[in-house]
C-alpha atoms as a PDB file:
ATOM      1  CA  MET A   1      -9.379 -25.507 107.824  1.00  0.00           C
ATOM      2  CA  ILE A   2     -11.258 -22.420 108.054  1.00  0.00           C
ATOM      3  CA  ASN A   3      -9.327 -21.672 111.264  1.00  0.00           C
ATOM      4  CA  VAL A   4      -6.122 -21.780 109.497  1.00  0.00           C
ATOM      5  CA  ILE A   5      -7.217 -19.358 106.690  1.00  0.00           C
ATOM      6  CA  THR A   6      -8.430 -16.936 109.444  1.00  0.00           C
ATOM      7  CA  ALA A   7      -5.281 -17.079 111.310  1.00  0.00           C
ATOM      8  CA  ALA A   8      -3.229 -16.410 108.282  1.00  0.00           C
ATOM      9  CA  THR A   9      -5.245 -13.495 107.203  1.00  0.00           C
ATOM     10  CA  ALA A  10      -4.994 -12.032 110.772  1.00  0.00           C
ATOM     11  CA  ALA A  11      -1.249 -12.288 110.456  1.00  0.00           C
ATOM     12  CA  VAL A  12      -1.078 -10.710 107.136  1.00  0.00           C
ATOM     13  CA  LEU A  13      -3.163  -7.717 108.384  1.00  0.00           C
ATOM     14  CA  ALA A  14      -1.092  -7.352 111.374  1.00  0.00           C
ATOM     15  CA  ALA A  15       2.009  -7.383 109.353  1.00  0.00           C
ATOM     16  CA  GLY A  16       0.413  -4.871 106.792  1.00  0.00           C
ATOM     17  CA  GLU A  17      -0.292  -2.411 109.645  1.00  0.00           C
ATOM     18  CA  GLU A  18       3.272  -2.606 110.898  1.00  0.00           C
ATOM     19  CA  GLY A  19       4.903  -2.306 107.311  1.00  0.00           C
ATOM     20  CA  ALA A  20       2.561   0.395 106.153  1.00  0.00           C
ATOM     21  CA  GLU A  21       4.631   3.146 107.800  1.00  0.00           C
ATOM     22  CA  GLU A  22       7.734   1.782 106.363  1.00  0.00           C
ATOM     23  CA  MET A  23       6.778   1.040 102.678  1.00  0.00           C
ATOM     24  CA  PRO A  24       6.903   3.929 100.342  1.00  0.00           C
ATOM     25  CA  SER A  25       3.939   4.520  97.828  1.00  0.00           C
ATOM     26  CA  VAL A  26       4.266   2.929  94.263  1.00  0.00           C
ATOM     27  CA  LEU A  27       2.845   5.948  92.776  1.00  0.00           C
ATOM     28  CA  ALA A  28       5.111   8.321  94.314  1.00  0.00           C
ATOM     29  CA  VAL A  29       8.045   9.334  91.980  1.00  0.00           C
ATOM     30  CA  PRO A  30      11.296  10.526  93.567  1.00  0.00           C
ATOM     31  CA  ILE A  31      12.066  14.213  92.538  1.00  0.00           C
ATOM     32  CA  ASP A  32      15.827  13.714  91.769  1.00  0.00           C
ATOM     33  CA  GLU A  33      14.944  10.748  89.437  1.00  0.00           C
ATOM     34  CA  LEU A  34      12.284  12.923  87.755  1.00  0.00           C
ATOM     35  CA  ILE A  35      14.663  15.604  87.037  1.00  0.00           C
ATOM     36  CA  ILE A  36      17.361  13.175  85.892  1.00  0.00           C
ATOM     37  CA  GLY A  37      14.850  11.494  83.607  1.00  0.00           C
ATOM     38  CA  ILE A  38      13.661  14.865  82.040  1.00  0.00           C
ATOM     39  CA  ILE A  39      17.338  16.044  81.516  1.00  0.00           C
ATOM     40  CA  ALA A  40      18.182  12.636  79.791  1.00  0.00           C
ATOM     41  CA  PHE A  41      15.005  12.996  77.691  1.00  0.00           C
ATOM     42  CA  LEU A  42      15.861  16.572  76.581  1.00  0.00           C
ATOM     43  CA  ILE A  43      19.497  15.504  75.645  1.00  0.00           C
ATOM     44  CA  VAL A  44      18.241  12.506  73.650  1.00  0.00           C
ATOM     45  CA  PHE A  45      15.535  14.547  71.931  1.00  0.00           C
ATOM     46  CA  GLY A  46      17.993  17.381  71.130  1.00  0.00           C
ATOM     47  CA  GLY A  47      20.398  15.053  69.872  1.00  0.00           C
ATOM     48  CA  LEU A  48      17.881  13.314  67.610  1.00  0.00           C
ATOM     49  CA  ALA A  49      16.671  16.659  66.416  1.00  0.00           C
ATOM     50  CA  LYS A  50      20.126  17.904  65.561  1.00  0.00           C
ATOM     51  CA  VAL A  51      21.521  14.631  63.930  1.00  0.00           C
ATOM     52  CA  ALA A  52      18.664  12.289  62.954  1.00  0.00           C
ATOM     53  CA  LEU A  53      15.616  14.590  62.248  1.00  0.00           C
ATOM     54  CA  PRO A  54      17.529  16.520  59.398  1.00  0.00           C
ATOM     55  CA  LYS A  55      18.475  13.252  57.814  1.00  0.00           C
ATOM     56  CA  ILE A  56      15.060  11.963  57.984  1.00  0.00           C
ATOM     57  CA  LYS A  57      13.636  15.172  56.734  1.00  0.00           C
ATOM     58  CA  ALA A  58      16.057  15.253  53.725  1.00  0.00           C
ATOM     59  CA  THR A  59      15.217  11.508  53.164  1.00  0.00           C
ATOM     60  CA  LEU A  60      11.507  12.203  53.197  1.00  0.00           C
ATOM     61  CA  ASP A  61      11.933  15.502  50.928  1.00  0.00           C
ATOM     62  CA  GLU A  62      13.968  13.224  48.387  1.00  0.00           C
ATOM     63  CA  ARG A  63      11.171  10.686  48.347  1.00  0.00           C
ATOM     64  CA  ALA A  64       8.614  13.325  47.874  1.00  0.00           C
ATOM     65  CA  ASP A  65      10.644  14.787  45.037  1.00  0.00           C
ATOM     66  CA  ALA A  66      11.278  11.337  43.513  1.00  0.00           C
ATOM     67  CA  ILE A  67       7.550  10.681  43.708  1.00  0.00           C
ATOM     68  CA  GLU A  68       6.584  14.007  42.291  1.00  0.00           C
ATOM     69  CA  GLY A  69       9.291  13.724  39.644  1.00  0.00           C
ATOM     70  CA  GLY A  70       8.020  10.210  38.752  1.00  0.00           C
ATOM     71  CA  ILE A  71       4.613  11.547  38.455  1.00  0.00           C
ATOM     72  CA  GLU A  72       5.867  14.337  36.122  1.00  0.00           C
ATOM     73  CA  ARG A  73       7.957  11.856  34.210  1.00  0.00           C
ATOM     74  CA  ALA A  74       4.872   9.572  33.937  1.00  0.00           C
ATOM     75  CA  ALA A  75       2.757  12.395  32.734  1.00  0.00           C
ATOM     76  CA  LYS A  76       5.433  13.496  30.250  1.00  0.00           C
ATOM     77  CA  ALA A  77       5.769   9.916  29.112  1.00  0.00           C
ATOM     78  CA  GLU A  78       2.100   9.516  28.871  1.00  0.00           C
ATOM     79  CA  ALA A  79       1.848  12.838  26.685  1.00  0.00           C
ATOM     80  CA  GLU A  80       4.637  11.616  24.589  1.00  0.00           C
ATOM     81  CA  ALA A  81       2.879   8.205  24.101  1.00  0.00           C
ATOM     82  CA  LYS A  82      -0.227   9.975  23.100  1.00  0.00           C
ATOM     83  CA  GLU A  83       1.510  12.084  20.582  1.00  0.00           C
ATOM     84  CA  LEU A  84       3.392   9.098  19.177  1.00  0.00           C
ATOM     85  CA  ALA A  85       0.001   7.207  19.072  1.00  0.00           C
ATOM     86  CA  GLU A  86      -1.523  10.194  17.109  1.00  0.00           C
ATOM     87  CA  GLN A  87       1.527  10.388  14.747  1.00  0.00           C
ATOM     88  CA  TYR A  88       1.121   6.710  14.264  1.00  0.00           C
ATOM     89  CA  ARG A  89      -2.485   6.859  13.506  1.00  0.00           C
ATOM     90  CA  ALA A  90      -1.980   9.882  11.147  1.00  0.00           C
ATOM     91  CA  GLN A  91       0.846   7.822   9.215  1.00  0.00           C
ATOM     92  CA  LEU A  92      -1.337   4.733   9.062  1.00  0.00           C
ATOM     93  CA  ALA A  93      -4.217   6.839   7.669  1.00  0.00           C
ATOM     94  CA  ALA A  94      -1.856   8.494   5.203  1.00  0.00           C
ATOM     95  CA  ALA A  95      -0.504   4.950   4.294  1.00  0.00           C
ATOM     96  CA  ARG A  96      -4.001   3.669   3.801  1.00  0.00           C
ATOM     97  CA  GLU A  97      -4.904   6.555   1.606  1.00  0.00           C
ATOM     98  CA  GLU A  98      -1.604   6.070  -0.562  1.00  0.00           C
ATOM     99  CA  ALA A  99      -2.413   2.434  -0.770  1.00  0.00           C
ATOM    100  CA  SER A 100      -6.030   3.241  -2.019  1.00  0.00           C
ATOM    101  CA  ALA A 101      -4.658   5.762  -4.458  1.00  0.00           C
ATOM    102  CA  ILE A 102      -2.051   3.158  -5.688  1.00  0.00           C
ATOM    103  CA  ARG A 103      -4.725   0.540  -6.129  1.00  0.00           C
ATOM    104  CA  THR A 104      -6.809   3.004  -7.933  1.00  0.00           C
ATOM    105  CA  GLN A 105      -4.085   3.949 -10.260  1.00  0.00           C
ATOM    106  CA  ALA A 106      -3.081   0.353 -10.870  1.00  0.00           C
ATOM    107  CA  GLN A 107      -6.773  -0.465 -11.705  1.00  0.00           C
ATOM    108  CA  ALA A 108      -6.769   2.583 -14.057  1.00  0.00           C
ATOM    109  CA  ASP A 109      -3.464   1.542 -15.537  1.00  0.00           C
ATOM    110  CA  ARG A 110      -4.639  -2.053 -15.990  1.00  0.00           C
ATOM    111  CA  SER A 111      -7.790  -0.909 -17.844  1.00  0.00           C
ATOM    112  CA  ALA A 112      -5.457   1.365 -19.971  1.00  0.00           C
ATOM    113  CA  ILE A 113      -3.134  -1.405 -20.789  1.00  0.00           C
ATOM    114  CA  ILE A 114      -5.971  -3.692 -21.712  1.00  0.00           C
ATOM    115  CA  ASP A 115      -7.554  -1.220 -23.977  1.00  0.00           C
ATOM    116  CA  GLU A 116      -4.099  -0.502 -25.594  1.00  0.00           C
ATOM    117  CA  ALA A 117      -3.396  -4.310 -25.963  1.00  0.00           C
ATOM    118  CA  ARG A 118      -6.902  -4.596 -27.638  1.00  0.00           C
ATOM    119  CA  ASN A 119      -6.286  -1.841 -29.933  1.00  0.00           C
ATOM    120  CA  GLU A 120      -2.895  -3.124 -31.015  1.00  0.00           C
ATOM    121  CA  ALA A 121      -4.408  -6.557 -31.500  1.00  0.00           C
ATOM    122  CA  ARG A 122      -7.160  -5.049 -33.553  1.00  0.00           C
ATOM    123  CA  THR A 123      -4.552  -3.060 -35.655  1.00  0.00           C
ATOM    124  CA  ALA A 124      -2.246  -6.128 -35.957  1.00  0.00           C
ATOM    125  CA  ALA A 125      -5.297  -8.175 -37.113  1.00  0.00           C
ATOM    126  CA  GLN A 126      -6.219  -5.605 -39.636  1.00  0.00           C
ATOM    127  CA  GLN A 127      -2.642  -5.516 -41.031  1.00  0.00           C
ATOM    128  CA  VAL A 128      -2.513  -9.146 -41.221  1.00  0.00           C
ATOM    129  CA  THR A 129      -5.856  -9.231 -42.951  1.00  0.00           C
ATOM    130  CA  SER A 130      -4.879  -6.610 -45.441  1.00  0.00           C
ATOM    131  CA  GLN A 131      -1.617  -8.320 -46.134  1.00  0.00           C
ATOM    132  CA  ALA A 132      -3.286 -11.639 -46.561  1.00  0.00           C
ATOM    133  CA  GLU A 133      -5.911  -9.977 -48.874  1.00  0.00           C
ATOM    134  CA  ALA A 134      -3.155  -8.273 -50.915  1.00  0.00           C
ATOM    135  CA  GLN A 135      -1.179 -11.538 -51.061  1.00  0.00           C
ATOM    136  CA  LEU A 136      -4.335 -13.360 -52.131  1.00  0.00           C
ATOM    137  CA  ALA A 137      -4.867 -10.622 -54.805  1.00  0.00           C
ATOM    138  CA  ALA A 138      -1.379 -11.068 -55.999  1.00  0.00           C
ATOM    139  CA  ASP A 139      -1.558 -14.703 -55.973  1.00  0.00           C
ATOM    140  CA  ARG A 140      -4.971 -14.605 -57.774  1.00  0.00           C
ATOM    141  CA  SER A 141      -3.327 -12.190 -60.365  1.00  0.00           C
ATOM    142  CA  GLN A 142      -0.415 -14.329 -60.913  1.00  0.00           C
ATOM    143  CA  ALA A 143      -2.613 -17.542 -61.156  1.00  0.00           C
ATOM    144  CA  THR A 144      -4.853 -15.650 -63.626  1.00  0.00           C
ATOM    145  CA  SER A 145      -1.870 -14.749 -65.552  1.00  0.00           C
ATOM    146  CA  ALA A 146      -0.428 -18.141 -65.488  1.00  0.00           C
ATOM    147  CA  LEU A 147      -3.904 -19.788 -66.503  1.00  0.00           C
ATOM    148  CA  THR A 148      -4.255 -17.271 -69.110  1.00  0.00           C
ATOM    149  CA  ARG A 149      -0.851 -18.113 -70.564  1.00  0.00           C
ATOM    150  CA  GLN A 150      -1.388 -21.885 -70.433  1.00  0.00           C
ATOM    151  CA  ILE A 151      -4.973 -21.566 -71.788  1.00  0.00           C
ATOM    152  CA  GLY A 152      -3.539 -19.399 -74.681  1.00  0.00           C
ATOM    153  CA  GLU A 153      -0.844 -21.976 -75.292  1.00  0.00           C
ATOM    154  CA  MET A 154      -3.484 -24.768 -75.281  1.00  0.00           C
ATOM    155  CA  ALA A 155      -5.798 -22.801 -77.479  1.00  0.00           C
ATOM    156  CA  VAL A 156      -2.935 -22.313 -79.974  1.00  0.00           C
ATOM    157  CA  THR A 157      -2.088 -25.731 -79.927  1.00  0.00           C
ATOM    158  CA  LEU A 158      -5.726 -26.881 -80.384  1.00  0.00           C
ATOM    159  CA  ALA A 159      -6.257 -24.316 -83.038  1.00  0.00           C
ATOM    160  CA  GLY A 160      -3.199 -25.546 -84.817  1.00  0.00           C
ATOM    161  CA  LYS A 161      -4.434 -29.040 -84.805  1.00  0.00           C
ATOM    162  CA  VAL A 162      -8.054 -27.958 -85.942  1.00  0.00           C
ATOM    163  CA  VAL A 163      -6.550 -25.690 -88.680  1.00  0.00           C
ATOM    164  CA  GLY A 164      -3.936 -28.232 -89.624  1.00  0.00           C
ATOM    165  CA  GLN A 165      -1.265 -25.635 -89.579  1.00  0.00           C
ATOM    166  CA  SER A 166       1.197 -24.581 -87.089  1.00  0.00           C
ATOM    167  CA  LEU A 167       0.470 -21.151 -85.616  1.00  0.00           C
ATOM    168  CA  SER A 168       3.975 -20.081 -84.788  1.00  0.00           C
ATOM    169  CA  ASP A 169       3.533 -16.385 -85.470  1.00  0.00           C
ATOM    170  CA  ASP A 170       3.781 -14.855 -81.922  1.00  0.00           C
ATOM    171  CA  ALA A 171       1.837 -11.680 -82.676  1.00  0.00           C
ATOM    172  CA  ARG A 172      -1.066 -13.265 -84.328  1.00  0.00           C
ATOM    173  CA  VAL A 173      -1.100 -15.988 -81.576  1.00  0.00           C
ATOM    174  CA  ARG A 174      -1.147 -13.313 -78.907  1.00  0.00           C
ATOM    175  CA  GLN A 175      -3.897 -11.511 -80.458  1.00  0.00           C
ATOM    176  CA  THR A 176      -5.963 -14.651 -81.056  1.00  0.00           C
ATOM    177  CA  VAL A 177      -5.426 -15.813 -77.391  1.00  0.00           C
ATOM    178  CA  GLU A 178      -6.382 -12.270 -76.013  1.00  0.00           C
ATOM    179  CA  ASP A 179      -9.455 -12.169 -78.203  1.00  0.00           C
ATOM    180  CA  PHE A 180     -10.503 -15.665 -76.967  1.00  0.00           C
ATOM    181  CA  ILE A 181     -10.049 -14.777 -73.272  1.00  0.00           C
ATOM    182  CA  THR A 182     -12.021 -11.502 -73.696  1.00  0.00           C
ATOM    183  CA  ASP A 183     -14.890 -13.588 -75.123  1.00  0.00           C
ATOM    184  CA  LEU A 184     -14.621 -15.906 -72.198  1.00  0.00           C
ATOM    185  CA  GLU A 185     -14.785 -12.983 -69.741  1.00  0.00           C
ATOM    186  CA  ARG A 186     -17.774 -11.426 -71.516  1.00  0.00           C
ATOM    187  CA  GLN A 187     -19.568 -14.690 -71.304  1.00  0.00           C
ATOM    188  CA  ALA A 188     -18.761 -15.217 -67.601  1.00  0.00           C
ATOM    189  CA  GLN A 189     -19.969 -11.650 -66.795  1.00  0.00           C
ATOM    190  CA  GLY A 190     -23.191 -12.242 -68.897  1.00  0.00           C
ATOM    191  CA  SER A 191     -24.096 -15.373 -67.100  1.00  0.00           C
ATOM    192  CA  ALA A 192     -23.320 -13.740 -63.740  1.00  0.00           C
ATOM    193  CA  ASN A 193     -25.854 -10.908 -64.415  1.00  0.00           C
END
């Protein structure tokens, strides 16, 4: 088998020596193809530079503007949001102060109303008491007058039975009754002292 490999190698070498003159180099570029390739490259590059490159550049500029505009809009929106937040905080603080003032005023009003109601109740109680006292005094006076009259009539009747005569003279009866009541009052005052 070694003999077969050796023979094949020798044949390839012999063939390589004969074809070496006929085969061109793989690294060698033909000049005409090189010139055509360069011209085609310049045409394609020029076409792209004239047509596609301005559109690409415009698109990139639009994107850059959109990004910068978006950043500016975001900055403006953030500034507006901060301003609105500050306004909200200020309004909230003002509302809290107003609520505190209302609460304080309501407490003061409540105290004033309670004091006023107490004063009115005292005044009404004093009026009711004075009216009741006046009514009691009037009732006492009326009762005293009625009792005086009844006692006087009873005294006249008893005196008439004791004396055995009718005491129908009104002036004399009245004077006798008044004298009797005066004596009773003196005795009541004397025993009270």
